[in-house]
Amino acid sequence: MNITGHNSYHGCRFCNIEGVYSQKYRHVYFPPNPNCTNKDHLDWLRHINEIETATTNREKETLIKNYGKS
């Protein structure tokens, strides 16, 4: 699927939860979040379209990092 692993800030392929980095344990964890919404097909298409239409490499890299794609 070409997405980042489970230890990234956006490691869940099913929902939009964002991980929090623990400096003490040097690991990303996912705190309970009742406001977390599920990703749907349109979210994936929108993210891919934004990445593909990015005008600079820096913008593309930022979007990839934000969306959890690898």
N, C-alpha and C. Protein backbone atom coordinates (compact mmCIF):
# COMPACT_ATOMS: atom_id res chain seq x y z
N MET A 1 0.82 -1.20 0.00
CA MET A 1 0.00 0.00 0.00
C MET A 1 0.86 1.25 0.00
N ASN A 2 2.15 1.10 0.22
CA ASN A 2 3.07 2.23 0.15
C ASN A 2 2.78 3.31 1.19
N ILE A 3 2.41 2.87 2.40
CA ILE A 3 2.21 3.82 3.49
C ILE A 3 3.29 3.57 4.55
N THR A 4 3.46 4.51 5.46
CA THR A 4 4.48 4.37 6.49
C THR A 4 4.10 3.29 7.49
N GLY A 5 5.05 2.86 8.26
CA GLY A 5 4.85 1.79 9.22
C GLY A 5 4.07 2.20 10.45
N HIS A 6 3.85 1.23 11.33
CA HIS A 6 3.04 1.46 12.52
C HIS A 6 3.73 2.36 13.55
N ASN A 7 5.02 2.65 13.36
CA ASN A 7 5.72 3.52 14.30
C ASN A 7 5.86 4.95 13.76
N SER A 8 5.02 5.33 12.84
CA SER A 8 5.04 6.70 12.32
C SER A 8 3.90 7.50 12.96
N TYR A 9 3.89 8.78 12.70
CA TYR A 9 2.85 9.63 13.29
C TYR A 9 1.46 9.36 12.70
N HIS A 10 1.41 8.84 11.50
CA HIS A 10 0.14 8.51 10.85
C HIS A 10 0.18 7.05 10.42
N GLY A 11 0.42 6.17 11.38
CA GLY A 11 0.66 4.76 11.08
C GLY A 11 -0.59 3.91 10.87
N CYS A 12 -1.75 4.42 11.14
CA CYS A 12 -2.96 3.62 10.97
C CYS A 12 -3.53 3.84 9.58
N ARG A 13 -3.73 2.75 8.86
CA ARG A 13 -4.27 2.88 7.50
C ARG A 13 -5.79 2.97 7.50
N PHE A 14 -6.42 2.81 8.66
CA PHE A 14 -7.88 2.82 8.74
C PHE A 14 -8.46 4.12 9.28
N CYS A 15 -7.70 4.83 10.11
CA CYS A 15 -8.25 6.04 10.72
C CYS A 15 -7.25 7.19 10.65
N ASN A 16 -7.67 8.35 11.07
CA ASN A 16 -6.86 9.56 11.00
C ASN A 16 -6.19 9.91 12.32
N ILE A 17 -5.98 8.94 13.20
CA ILE A 17 -5.34 9.21 14.48
C ILE A 17 -3.89 9.65 14.25
N GLU A 18 -3.43 10.55 15.09
CA GLU A 18 -2.06 11.05 14.97
C GLU A 18 -1.27 10.61 16.20
N GLY A 19 -0.11 10.03 15.95
CA GLY A 19 0.74 9.54 17.02
C GLY A 19 1.44 10.67 17.76
N VAL A 20 1.89 10.36 18.97
CA VAL A 20 2.62 11.29 19.82
C VAL A 20 3.96 10.65 20.14
N TYR A 21 5.04 11.40 19.97
CA TYR A 21 6.37 10.86 20.22
C TYR A 21 6.71 10.93 21.70
N SER A 22 7.17 9.80 22.25
CA SER A 22 7.61 9.75 23.64
C SER A 22 9.13 9.84 23.66
N GLN A 23 9.66 10.95 24.16
CA GLN A 23 11.10 11.14 24.24
C GLN A 23 11.72 10.11 25.17
N LYS A 24 11.02 9.79 26.25
CA LYS A 24 11.54 8.84 27.24
C LYS A 24 11.76 7.45 26.63
N TYR A 25 10.77 6.98 25.85
CA TYR A 25 10.86 5.63 25.28
C TYR A 25 11.30 5.62 23.81
N ARG A 26 11.48 6.82 23.24
CA ARG A 26 11.88 6.97 21.83
C ARG A 26 10.98 6.15 20.91
N HIS A 27 9.69 6.37 21.06
CA HIS A 27 8.70 5.60 20.32
C HIS A 27 7.45 6.46 20.11
N VAL A 28 6.75 6.23 19.02
CA VAL A 28 5.48 6.91 18.75
C VAL A 28 4.36 6.04 19.30
N TYR A 29 3.47 6.65 20.07
CA TYR A 29 2.31 5.91 20.56
C TYR A 29 1.04 6.65 20.19
N PHE A 30 -0.09 5.97 20.29
CA PHE A 30 -1.37 6.53 19.89
C PHE A 30 -2.30 6.59 21.10
N PRO A 31 -2.47 7.80 21.64
CA PRO A 31 -3.36 7.94 22.80
C PRO A 31 -4.82 7.76 22.37
N PRO A 32 -5.68 7.35 23.30
CA PRO A 32 -7.10 7.23 22.97
C PRO A 32 -7.64 8.57 22.46
N ASN A 33 -8.39 8.54 21.39
CA ASN A 33 -8.94 9.75 20.81
C ASN A 33 -10.36 9.48 20.32
N PRO A 34 -11.36 9.91 21.08
CA PRO A 34 -12.75 9.63 20.67
C PRO A 34 -13.16 10.41 19.42
N ASN A 35 -12.40 11.44 19.03
CA ASN A 35 -12.75 12.24 17.86
C ASN A 35 -12.10 11.74 16.57
N CYS A 36 -11.41 10.61 16.65
CA CYS A 36 -10.71 10.07 15.50
C CYS A 36 -11.73 9.56 14.48
N THR A 37 -11.56 9.95 13.22
CA THR A 37 -12.48 9.52 12.17
C THR A 37 -11.80 8.51 11.26
N ASN A 38 -12.59 7.66 10.66
CA ASN A 38 -12.07 6.66 9.74
C ASN A 38 -11.73 7.29 8.40
N LYS A 39 -10.69 6.76 7.77
CA LYS A 39 -10.34 7.19 6.42
C LYS A 39 -11.26 6.45 5.45
N ASP A 40 -11.66 7.12 4.41
CA ASP A 40 -12.43 6.43 3.39
C ASP A 40 -11.71 6.56 2.04
N HIS A 41 -12.27 5.98 1.03
CA HIS A 41 -11.64 5.95 -0.28
C HIS A 41 -11.39 7.36 -0.82
N LEU A 42 -12.32 8.27 -0.59
CA LEU A 42 -12.16 9.64 -1.08
C LEU A 42 -10.99 10.35 -0.40
N ASP A 43 -10.76 10.06 0.88
CA ASP A 43 -9.60 10.63 1.57
C ASP A 43 -8.31 10.20 0.90
N TRP A 44 -8.19 8.90 0.59
CA TRP A 44 -6.99 8.39 -0.07
C TRP A 44 -6.80 9.05 -1.43
N LEU A 45 -7.86 9.16 -2.20
CA LEU A 45 -7.77 9.78 -3.53
C LEU A 45 -7.36 11.25 -3.43
N ARG A 46 -7.92 11.95 -2.46
CA ARG A 46 -7.59 13.37 -2.27
C ARG A 46 -6.12 13.54 -1.89
N HIS A 47 -5.64 12.71 -0.98
CA HIS A 47 -4.23 12.79 -0.56
C HIS A 47 -3.29 12.49 -1.72
N ILE A 48 -3.59 11.45 -2.46
CA ILE A 48 -2.75 11.08 -3.60
C ILE A 48 -2.74 12.20 -4.64
N ASN A 49 -3.90 12.78 -4.91
CA ASN A 49 -3.99 13.87 -5.87
C ASN A 49 -3.18 15.08 -5.42
N GLU A 50 -3.25 15.43 -4.15
CA GLU A 50 -2.46 16.56 -3.63
C GLU A 50 -0.97 16.30 -3.76
N ILE A 51 -0.54 15.08 -3.46
CA ILE A 51 0.88 14.74 -3.58
C ILE A 51 1.32 14.81 -5.04
N GLU A 52 0.54 14.26 -5.93
CA GLU A 52 0.92 14.24 -7.35
C GLU A 52 0.93 15.63 -7.98
N THR A 53 0.12 16.54 -7.47
CA THR A 53 0.04 17.88 -8.06
C THR A 53 0.92 18.90 -7.34
N ALA A 54 1.69 18.46 -6.36
CA ALA A 54 2.61 19.36 -5.66
C ALA A 54 3.61 19.92 -6.66
N THR A 55 3.92 21.20 -6.54
CA THR A 55 4.77 21.86 -7.52
C THR A 55 6.26 21.76 -7.20
N THR A 56 6.61 21.57 -5.94
CA THR A 56 8.02 21.46 -5.57
C THR A 56 8.26 20.16 -4.82
N ASN A 57 9.50 19.70 -4.83
CA ASN A 57 9.83 18.49 -4.10
C ASN A 57 9.63 18.66 -2.60
N ARG A 58 9.94 19.85 -2.12
CA ARG A 58 9.77 20.12 -0.68
C ARG A 58 8.29 20.03 -0.28
N GLU A 59 7.42 20.59 -1.11
CA GLU A 59 5.98 20.52 -0.84
C GLU A 59 5.51 19.07 -0.89
N LYS A 60 5.99 18.32 -1.87
CA LYS A 60 5.61 16.92 -2.00
C LYS A 60 6.07 16.12 -0.78
N GLU A 61 7.30 16.34 -0.33
CA GLU A 61 7.82 15.63 0.84
C GLU A 61 7.03 15.96 2.10
N THR A 62 6.64 17.21 2.24
CA THR A 62 5.84 17.62 3.40
C THR A 62 4.47 16.93 3.38
N LEU A 63 3.83 16.89 2.21
CA LEU A 63 2.53 16.23 2.12
C LEU A 63 2.65 14.73 2.41
N ILE A 64 3.68 14.12 1.88
CA ILE A 64 3.89 12.69 2.13
C ILE A 64 4.07 12.44 3.62
N LYS A 65 4.84 13.28 4.27
CA LYS A 65 5.06 13.13 5.71
C LYS A 65 3.75 13.34 6.48
N ASN A 66 2.98 14.34 6.09
CA ASN A 66 1.72 14.64 6.79
C ASN A 66 0.67 13.56 6.61
N TYR A 67 0.64 12.94 5.44
CA TYR A 67 -0.39 11.95 5.14
C TYR A 67 0.03 10.53 5.47
N GLY A 68 1.28 10.31 5.87
CA GLY A 68 1.72 8.98 6.25
C GLY A 68 1.99 8.06 5.09
N LYS A 69 2.26 8.61 3.92
CA LYS A 69 2.60 7.79 2.76
C LYS A 69 4.10 7.65 2.72
N SER A 70 4.58 6.56 2.21
CA SER A 70 6.02 6.38 2.09
C SER A 70 6.43 6.30 0.64
